[in-house]
Amino acid sequence: MITGFEGTITESIESEFQRLDATGFVRWAAEEFGETLAVSTSFGIQSAVTLKLVTSVVPDVKVIWVDTGYLPEETYRYAARLTRKLRLNLHVYESAISPQEMENRFGRLWESDRVDDLNLYDQIRKVEPMERALNELNVRGWISGLRAEQTEHRRCLPPIKRVRRQYRIYPVLTWTSKDVYNFMQEHELPQHPLFSQGFTTVGDHHSSRPLAASDASDRATRFRGLKQECGLHF
């Protein structure tokens, strides 16, 4: 148990977080935030790990899924399968602007080579609905499955940080791809259907592709490598 936590993260408290294993971290979060705790998911390649980890401690935790409207068919099937298997308390949020309206107003933003256009796409389809979800569900503790080895930005993250009124909690931040694989095997979790086709990360159908030998990282397979983050975790 973390002692002395009253909403402010000090250096000594952060070092205590780093000594907790993933399950211990989730237990602490459940005790600290209670009904204001939630976990987000994209139902991507590694999503089953965080969902299993958190629901094993808090079975009825609020699970937030931002559906962009452009996800692959396989992701929708995978979402339905995991929802049944883990009995998820799922809350689905979508952009206030439909895909058709967005395309009519701004064009097919994902086809642009301008990072500003890609950022606008993410703001409309991901960031705005997530912020609405956090507010409407009164979330104070937000658990996410970010891992340090995924991007340069994530490598610099602490295990917990405050962003406005929420605390963002990363219980598997230090896990490797091998840790993820072993956890999935141990708990007999199903793989995303696109994993067998070479996808190591998957987002929208128009901006994701299988990993190639020449790719510097998994995230190079998203948005043609023009950007690594969708904006949710800044």
C-alpha atoms as a PDB file:
ATOM      1  CA  MET A   1       0.000   0.000   0.000  1.00  0.00           C
ATOM      2  CA  ILE A   2       1.267   3.458  -0.848  1.00  0.00           C
ATOM      3  CA  THR A   3       1.352   5.576   2.281  1.00  0.00           C
ATOM      4  CA  GLY A   4       1.049   9.349   2.386  1.00  0.00           C
ATOM      5  CA  PHE A   5      -0.735   9.688  -0.970  1.00  0.00           C
ATOM      6  CA  GLU A   6      -3.158  12.603  -0.787  1.00  0.00           C
ATOM      7  CA  GLY A   7      -3.365  13.525  -4.446  1.00  0.00           C
ATOM      8  CA  THR A   8       0.168  14.852  -4.823  1.00  0.00           C
ATOM      9  CA  ILE A   9       2.868  12.660  -6.346  1.00  0.00           C
ATOM     10  CA  THR A  10       6.183  13.200  -4.615  1.00  0.00           C
ATOM     11  CA  GLU A  11       9.498  11.638  -5.584  1.00  0.00           C
ATOM     12  CA  SER A  12       9.369   9.262  -2.624  1.00  0.00           C
ATOM     13  CA  ILE A  13       5.821   8.140  -3.451  1.00  0.00           C
ATOM     14  CA  GLU A  14       6.754   7.620  -7.104  1.00  0.00           C
ATOM     15  CA  SER A  15       9.600   5.342  -6.047  1.00  0.00           C
ATOM     16  CA  GLU A  16       7.072   3.290  -4.053  1.00  0.00           C
ATOM     17  CA  PHE A  17       4.907   2.916  -7.156  1.00  0.00           C
ATOM     18  CA  GLN A  18       7.910   1.624  -9.064  1.00  0.00           C
ATOM     19  CA  ARG A  19       8.401  -1.154  -6.510  1.00  0.00           C
ATOM     20  CA  LEU A  20       4.859  -2.473  -6.947  1.00  0.00           C
ATOM     21  CA  ASP A  21       4.178  -5.236  -9.439  1.00  0.00           C
ATOM     22  CA  ALA A  22       1.379  -4.683 -11.958  1.00  0.00           C
ATOM     23  CA  THR A  23      -1.306  -6.407  -9.897  1.00  0.00           C
ATOM     24  CA  GLY A  24      -0.258  -4.548  -6.755  1.00  0.00           C
ATOM     25  CA  PHE A  25      -0.448  -1.274  -8.637  1.00  0.00           C
ATOM     26  CA  VAL A  26      -4.002  -2.041  -9.799  1.00  0.00           C
ATOM     27  CA  ARG A  27      -5.007  -3.017  -6.249  1.00  0.00           C
ATOM     28  CA  TRP A  28      -3.677   0.305  -4.977  1.00  0.00           C
ATOM     29  CA  ALA A  29      -5.580   2.185  -7.687  1.00  0.00           C
ATOM     30  CA  ALA A  30      -8.796   0.346  -6.836  1.00  0.00           C
ATOM     31  CA  GLU A  31      -8.460   1.292  -3.160  1.00  0.00           C
ATOM     32  CA  GLU A  32      -7.482   4.876  -3.910  1.00  0.00           C
ATOM     33  CA  PHE A  33     -10.039   5.746  -6.594  1.00  0.00           C
ATOM     34  CA  GLY A  34     -12.920   3.327  -5.985  1.00  0.00           C
ATOM     35  CA  GLU A  35     -15.842   3.983  -8.308  1.00  0.00           C
ATOM     36  CA  THR A  36     -13.954   6.778 -10.056  1.00  0.00           C
ATOM     37  CA  LEU A  37     -11.470   4.261 -11.521  1.00  0.00           C
ATOM     38  CA  ALA A  38     -11.650   3.304 -15.198  1.00  0.00           C
ATOM     39  CA  VAL A  39      -9.514   1.518 -17.772  1.00  0.00           C
ATOM     40  CA  SER A  40      -9.336   2.439 -21.438  1.00  0.00           C
ATOM     41  CA  THR A  41      -8.941   0.009 -24.302  1.00  0.00           C
ATOM     42  CA  SER A  42      -8.552   0.099 -28.067  1.00  0.00           C
ATOM     43  CA  PHE A  43      -9.160  -3.661 -28.431  1.00  0.00           C
ATOM     44  CA  GLY A  44      -5.825  -3.723 -30.196  1.00  0.00           C
ATOM     45  CA  ILE A  45      -3.140  -6.384 -30.342  1.00  0.00           C
ATOM     46  CA  GLN A  46      -2.161  -6.243 -26.657  1.00  0.00           C
ATOM     47  CA  SER A  47      -5.391  -4.964 -25.135  1.00  0.00           C
ATOM     48  CA  ALA A  48      -6.378  -8.284 -23.583  1.00  0.00           C
ATOM     49  CA  VAL A  49      -3.446  -8.047 -21.163  1.00  0.00           C
ATOM     50  CA  THR A  50      -4.484  -4.834 -19.409  1.00  0.00           C
ATOM     51  CA  LEU A  51      -8.166  -5.782 -19.475  1.00  0.00           C
ATOM     52  CA  LYS A  52      -7.468  -9.148 -17.835  1.00  0.00           C
ATOM     53  CA  LEU A  53      -5.048  -7.609 -15.334  1.00  0.00           C
ATOM     54  CA  VAL A  54      -7.500  -4.933 -14.198  1.00  0.00           C
ATOM     55  CA  THR A  55     -10.732  -6.960 -14.230  1.00  0.00           C
ATOM     56  CA  SER A  56      -9.045  -9.700 -12.185  1.00  0.00           C
ATOM     57  CA  VAL A  57      -8.828  -7.124  -9.380  1.00  0.00           C
ATOM     58  CA  VAL A  58     -11.924  -5.006 -10.149  1.00  0.00           C
ATOM     59  CA  PRO A  59     -14.375  -7.149 -12.180  1.00  0.00           C
ATOM     60  CA  ASP A  60     -16.891  -4.345 -12.712  1.00  0.00           C
ATOM     61  CA  VAL A  61     -14.406  -1.570 -13.484  1.00  0.00           C
ATOM     62  CA  LYS A  62     -15.607   0.883 -16.115  1.00  0.00           C
ATOM     63  CA  VAL A  63     -14.004   0.049 -19.474  1.00  0.00           C
ATOM     64  CA  ILE A  64     -13.876   2.930 -21.960  1.00  0.00           C
ATOM     65  CA  TRP A  65     -13.622   2.163 -25.676  1.00  0.00           C
ATOM     66  CA  VAL A  66     -13.409   5.003 -28.177  1.00  0.00           C
ATOM     67  CA  ASP A  67     -14.777   3.651 -31.455  1.00  0.00           C
ATOM     68  CA  THR A  68     -13.419   5.841 -34.247  1.00  0.00           C
ATOM     69  CA  GLY A  69     -15.825   4.425 -36.832  1.00  0.00           C
ATOM     70  CA  TYR A  70     -12.865   3.310 -38.961  1.00  0.00           C
ATOM     71  CA  LEU A  71     -11.705   0.216 -37.106  1.00  0.00           C
ATOM     72  CA  PRO A  72     -11.074  -3.051 -38.986  1.00  0.00           C
ATOM     73  CA  GLU A  73     -13.830  -5.654 -38.972  1.00  0.00           C
ATOM     74  CA  GLU A  74     -11.469  -7.929 -37.047  1.00  0.00           C
ATOM     75  CA  THR A  75     -11.255  -5.430 -34.190  1.00  0.00           C
ATOM     76  CA  TYR A  76     -15.027  -5.343 -33.781  1.00  0.00           C
ATOM     77  CA  ARG A  77     -15.113  -9.145 -33.664  1.00  0.00           C
ATOM     78  CA  TYR A  78     -12.258  -9.183 -31.148  1.00  0.00           C
ATOM     79  CA  ALA A  79     -14.017  -6.572 -28.997  1.00  0.00           C
ATOM     80  CA  ALA A  80     -17.153  -8.688 -28.869  1.00  0.00           C
ATOM     81  CA  ARG A  81     -15.135 -11.785 -27.958  1.00  0.00           C
ATOM     82  CA  LEU A  82     -13.178 -10.130 -25.132  1.00  0.00           C
ATOM     83  CA  THR A  83     -16.293  -8.406 -23.809  1.00  0.00           C
ATOM     84  CA  ARG A  84     -17.985 -11.784 -23.427  1.00  0.00           C
ATOM     85  CA  LYS A  85     -14.933 -13.621 -22.091  1.00  0.00           C
ATOM     86  CA  LEU A  86     -13.997 -11.018 -19.478  1.00  0.00           C
ATOM     87  CA  ARG A  87     -17.583  -9.818 -18.829  1.00  0.00           C
ATOM     88  CA  LEU A  88     -16.537  -6.242 -19.394  1.00  0.00           C
ATOM     89  CA  ASN A  89     -18.504  -3.282 -18.074  1.00  0.00           C
ATOM     90  CA  LEU A  90     -18.043  -1.606 -21.434  1.00  0.00           C
ATOM     91  CA  HIS A  91     -18.776   2.038 -22.208  1.00  0.00           C
ATOM     92  CA  VAL A  92     -18.490   2.883 -25.909  1.00  0.00           C
ATOM     93  CA  TYR A  93     -17.875   6.468 -26.987  1.00  0.00           C
ATOM     94  CA  GLU A  94     -17.792   7.918 -30.490  1.00  0.00           C
ATOM     95  CA  SER A  95     -16.935  11.276 -31.986  1.00  0.00           C
ATOM     96  CA  ALA A  96     -19.632  13.939 -31.959  1.00  0.00           C
ATOM     97  CA  ILE A  97     -18.986  14.201 -35.709  1.00  0.00           C
ATOM     98  CA  SER A  98     -19.855  11.212 -37.902  1.00  0.00           C
ATOM     99  CA  PRO A  99     -17.226   9.857 -40.299  1.00  0.00           C
ATOM    100  CA  GLN A 100     -19.218  11.146 -43.273  1.00  0.00           C
ATOM    101  CA  GLU A 101     -19.581  14.638 -41.856  1.00  0.00           C
ATOM    102  CA  MET A 102     -15.872  14.766 -41.038  1.00  0.00           C
ATOM    103  CA  GLU A 103     -14.935  13.730 -44.575  1.00  0.00           C
ATOM    104  CA  ASN A 104     -17.361  16.264 -46.059  1.00  0.00           C
ATOM    105  CA  ARG A 105     -15.912  19.087 -43.973  1.00  0.00           C
ATOM    106  CA  PHE A 106     -12.219  18.232 -43.879  1.00  0.00           C
ATOM    107  CA  GLY A 107     -11.619  15.553 -46.510  1.00  0.00           C
ATOM    108  CA  ARG A 108      -9.905  12.204 -45.900  1.00  0.00           C
ATOM    109  CA  LEU A 109      -7.507  13.546 -43.308  1.00  0.00           C
ATOM    110  CA  TRP A 110      -5.655  10.247 -42.881  1.00  0.00           C
ATOM    111  CA  GLU A 111      -4.417  10.449 -46.480  1.00  0.00           C
ATOM    112  CA  SER A 112      -2.574  13.701 -45.814  1.00  0.00           C
ATOM    113  CA  ASP A 113       1.188  13.925 -45.396  1.00  0.00           C
ATOM    114  CA  ARG A 114       0.711  16.877 -43.044  1.00  0.00           C
ATOM    115  CA  VAL A 115       1.013  15.965 -39.378  1.00  0.00           C
ATOM    116  CA  ASP A 116      -1.411  18.803 -38.540  1.00  0.00           C
ATOM    117  CA  ASP A 117      -4.116  17.031 -40.555  1.00  0.00           C
ATOM    118  CA  LEU A 118      -3.402  13.737 -38.805  1.00  0.00           C
ATOM    119  CA  ASN A 119      -3.553  15.511 -35.451  1.00  0.00           C
ATOM    120  CA  LEU A 120      -6.917  17.013 -36.379  1.00  0.00           C
ATOM    121  CA  TYR A 121      -8.167  13.524 -37.278  1.00  0.00           C
ATOM    122  CA  ASP A 122      -7.071  12.210 -33.880  1.00  0.00           C
ATOM    123  CA  GLN A 123      -8.597  15.170 -32.059  1.00  0.00           C
ATOM    124  CA  ILE A 124     -11.974  14.602 -33.720  1.00  0.00           C
ATOM    125  CA  ARG A 125     -12.136  10.824 -33.633  1.00  0.00           C
ATOM    126  CA  LYS A 126     -10.214   9.975 -30.434  1.00  0.00           C
ATOM    127  CA  VAL A 127      -9.341  12.821 -28.098  1.00  0.00           C
ATOM    128  CA  GLU A 128     -12.710  14.597 -27.955  1.00  0.00           C
ATOM    129  CA  PRO A 129     -14.755  11.428 -27.253  1.00  0.00           C
ATOM    130  CA  MET A 130     -12.237  10.242 -24.656  1.00  0.00           C
ATOM    131  CA  GLU A 131     -12.340  13.546 -22.802  1.00  0.00           C
ATOM    132  CA  ARG A 132     -16.144  13.376 -22.877  1.00  0.00           C
ATOM    133  CA  ALA A 133     -16.043   9.829 -21.500  1.00  0.00           C
ATOM    134  CA  LEU A 134     -13.717  10.779 -18.643  1.00  0.00           C
ATOM    135  CA  ASN A 135     -15.971  13.693 -17.682  1.00  0.00           C
ATOM    136  CA  GLU A 136     -19.319  11.912 -18.009  1.00  0.00           C
ATOM    137  CA  LEU A 137     -18.110   8.821 -16.119  1.00  0.00           C
ATOM    138  CA  ASN A 138     -16.461  10.974 -13.422  1.00  0.00           C
ATOM    139  CA  VAL A 139     -13.089   9.294 -13.858  1.00  0.00           C
ATOM    140  CA  ARG A 140     -10.274  10.319 -11.491  1.00  0.00           C
ATOM    141  CA  GLY A 141      -8.016   7.305 -11.982  1.00  0.00           C
ATOM    142  CA  TRP A 142      -7.454   6.282 -15.603  1.00  0.00           C
ATOM    143  CA  ILE A 143      -5.596   3.013 -16.173  1.00  0.00           C
ATOM    144  CA  SER A 144      -3.947   2.545 -19.551  1.00  0.00           C
ATOM    145  CA  GLY A 145      -1.804  -0.220 -21.029  1.00  0.00           C
ATOM    146  CA  LEU A 146       1.016   2.007 -22.283  1.00  0.00           C
ATOM    147  CA  ARG A 147       4.487   0.412 -22.261  1.00  0.00           C
ATOM    148  CA  ALA A 148       7.801   2.260 -22.213  1.00  0.00           C
ATOM    149  CA  GLU A 149       9.322   0.355 -25.120  1.00  0.00           C
ATOM    150  CA  GLN A 150       6.555   1.417 -27.515  1.00  0.00           C
ATOM    151  CA  THR A 151       7.592   5.053 -28.199  1.00  0.00           C
ATOM    152  CA  GLU A 152      10.113   7.662 -27.112  1.00  0.00           C
ATOM    153  CA  HIS A 153       7.366   9.603 -25.357  1.00  0.00           C
ATOM    154  CA  ARG A 154       6.234   6.558 -23.367  1.00  0.00           C
ATOM    155  CA  ARG A 155       9.811   5.753 -22.395  1.00  0.00           C
ATOM    156  CA  CYS A 156       9.870   9.002 -20.419  1.00  0.00           C
ATOM    157  CA  LEU A 157       6.591   8.461 -18.568  1.00  0.00           C
ATOM    158  CA  PRO A 158       6.420   7.906 -14.807  1.00  0.00           C
ATOM    159  CA  PRO A 159       4.200   5.042 -13.562  1.00  0.00           C
ATOM    160  CA  ILE A 160       1.541   7.562 -12.517  1.00  0.00           C
ATOM    161  CA  LYS A 161       1.055  11.202 -13.396  1.00  0.00           C
ATOM    162  CA  ARG A 162      -1.592  13.853 -12.968  1.00  0.00           C
ATOM    163  CA  VAL A 163      -3.148  15.500 -16.018  1.00  0.00           C
ATOM    164  CA  ARG A 164      -5.749  18.100 -15.013  1.00  0.00           C
ATOM    165  CA  ARG A 165      -8.272  16.307 -12.761  1.00  0.00           C
ATOM    166  CA  GLN A 166      -7.257  12.725 -13.648  1.00  0.00           C
ATOM    167  CA  TYR A 167      -4.413  10.532 -12.502  1.00  0.00           C
ATOM    168  CA  ARG A 168      -3.089   8.416 -15.353  1.00  0.00           C
ATOM    169  CA  ILE A 169      -1.886   5.026 -14.206  1.00  0.00           C
ATOM    170  CA  TYR A 170       0.389   2.705 -16.204  1.00  0.00           C
ATOM    171  CA  PRO A 171       0.686  -0.678 -14.446  1.00  0.00           C
ATOM    172  CA  VAL A 172       2.500  -2.466 -17.321  1.00  0.00           C
ATOM    173  CA  LEU A 173       4.759   0.454 -18.230  1.00  0.00           C
ATOM    174  CA  THR A 174       7.961  -1.572 -17.732  1.00  0.00           C
ATOM    175  CA  TRP A 175       6.712  -4.761 -19.395  1.00  0.00           C
ATOM    176  CA  THR A 176       8.452  -6.079 -22.483  1.00  0.00           C
ATOM    177  CA  SER A 177       6.842  -7.777 -25.476  1.00  0.00           C
ATOM    178  CA  LYS A 178       7.955 -11.071 -23.950  1.00  0.00           C
ATOM    179  CA  ASP A 179       6.158 -10.223 -20.695  1.00  0.00           C
ATOM    180  CA  VAL A 180       3.002  -9.506 -22.680  1.00  0.00           C
ATOM    181  CA  TYR A 181       3.257 -12.791 -24.579  1.00  0.00           C
ATOM    182  CA  ASN A 182       3.874 -14.805 -21.398  1.00  0.00           C
ATOM    183  CA  PHE A 183       0.898 -13.197 -19.636  1.00  0.00           C
ATOM    184  CA  MET A 184      -1.389 -13.972 -22.554  1.00  0.00           C
ATOM    185  CA  GLN A 185      -0.214 -17.584 -22.619  1.00  0.00           C
ATOM    186  CA  GLU A 186      -0.550 -18.002 -18.859  1.00  0.00           C
ATOM    187  CA  HIS A 187      -4.120 -16.713 -18.851  1.00  0.00           C
ATOM    188  CA  GLU A 188      -5.110 -18.290 -22.188  1.00  0.00           C
ATOM    189  CA  LEU A 189      -6.131 -14.962 -23.669  1.00  0.00           C
ATOM    190  CA  PRO A 190      -7.182 -14.890 -27.331  1.00  0.00           C
ATOM    191  CA  GLN A 191      -4.998 -13.037 -29.816  1.00  0.00           C
ATOM    192  CA  HIS A 192      -6.356 -10.286 -32.036  1.00  0.00           C
ATOM    193  CA  PRO A 193      -7.229 -11.856 -35.426  1.00  0.00           C
ATOM    194  CA  LEU A 194      -4.746  -9.567 -37.218  1.00  0.00           C
ATOM    195  CA  PHE A 195      -1.816 -10.719 -35.066  1.00  0.00           C
ATOM    196  CA  SER A 196      -1.381 -13.818 -37.245  1.00  0.00           C
ATOM    197  CA  GLN A 197      -1.157 -11.527 -40.294  1.00  0.00           C
ATOM    198  CA  GLY A 198       1.905  -9.732 -38.960  1.00  0.00           C
ATOM    199  CA  PHE A 199       0.275  -6.822 -37.134  1.00  0.00           C
ATOM    200  CA  THR A 200       2.056  -5.928 -33.892  1.00  0.00           C
ATOM    201  CA  THR A 201      -0.167  -2.890 -33.321  1.00  0.00           C
ATOM    202  CA  VAL A 202      -3.449  -1.997 -34.974  1.00  0.00           C
ATOM    203  CA  GLY A 203      -5.619   1.093 -35.046  1.00  0.00           C
ATOM    204  CA  ASP A 204      -7.874   2.287 -37.862  1.00  0.00           C
ATOM    205  CA  HIS A 205      -8.071   0.134 -40.989  1.00  0.00           C
ATOM    206  CA  HIS A 206      -6.803   2.904 -43.274  1.00  0.00           C
ATOM    207  CA  SER A 207      -3.723   3.711 -41.200  1.00  0.00           C
ATOM    208  CA  SER A 208      -2.397   0.369 -39.944  1.00  0.00           C
ATOM    209  CA  ARG A 209      -0.293  -2.265 -41.664  1.00  0.00           C
ATOM    210  CA  PRO A 210       1.743  -5.355 -40.778  1.00  0.00           C
ATOM    211  CA  LEU A 211       5.255  -4.943 -39.401  1.00  0.00           C
ATOM    212  CA  ALA A 212       8.015  -5.032 -42.026  1.00  0.00           C
ATOM    213  CA  ALA A 213      11.635  -6.078 -41.515  1.00  0.00           C
ATOM    214  CA  SER A 214      12.745  -2.527 -42.308  1.00  0.00           C
ATOM    215  CA  ASP A 215      10.535  -0.899 -39.638  1.00  0.00           C
ATOM    216  CA  ALA A 216      12.414   0.749 -36.781  1.00  0.00           C
ATOM    217  CA  SER A 217       9.558   0.107 -34.345  1.00  0.00           C
ATOM    218  CA  ASP A 218       5.998  -1.204 -34.132  1.00  0.00           C
ATOM    219  CA  ARG A 219       4.628   2.321 -34.259  1.00  0.00           C
ATOM    220  CA  ALA A 220       6.141   2.846 -37.709  1.00  0.00           C
ATOM    221  CA  THR A 221       3.242   0.774 -39.006  1.00  0.00           C
ATOM    222  CA  ARG A 222       0.735   3.465 -38.001  1.00  0.00           C
ATOM    223  CA  PHE A 223       0.003   6.572 -40.100  1.00  0.00           C
ATOM    224  CA  ARG A 224       2.900   5.665 -42.415  1.00  0.00           C
ATOM    225  CA  GLY A 225       5.331   6.420 -39.582  1.00  0.00           C
ATOM    226  CA  LEU A 226       4.554  10.158 -39.721  1.00  0.00           C
ATOM    227  CA  LYS A 227       3.600  10.252 -36.038  1.00  0.00           C
ATOM    228  CA  GLN A 228       3.797   7.921 -33.041  1.00  0.00           C
ATOM    229  CA  GLU A 229       1.097   9.185 -30.685  1.00  0.00           C
ATOM    230  CA  CYS A 230      -2.605   9.768 -31.269  1.00  0.00           C
ATOM    231  CA  GLY A 231      -2.836  12.553 -28.699  1.00  0.00           C
ATOM    232  CA  LEU A 232      -4.699  10.643 -25.986  1.00  0.00           C
ATOM    233  CA  HIS A 233      -1.627  10.258 -23.807  1.00  0.00           C
ATOM    234  CA  PHE A 234      -0.046  13.688 -23.990  1.00  0.00           C
END
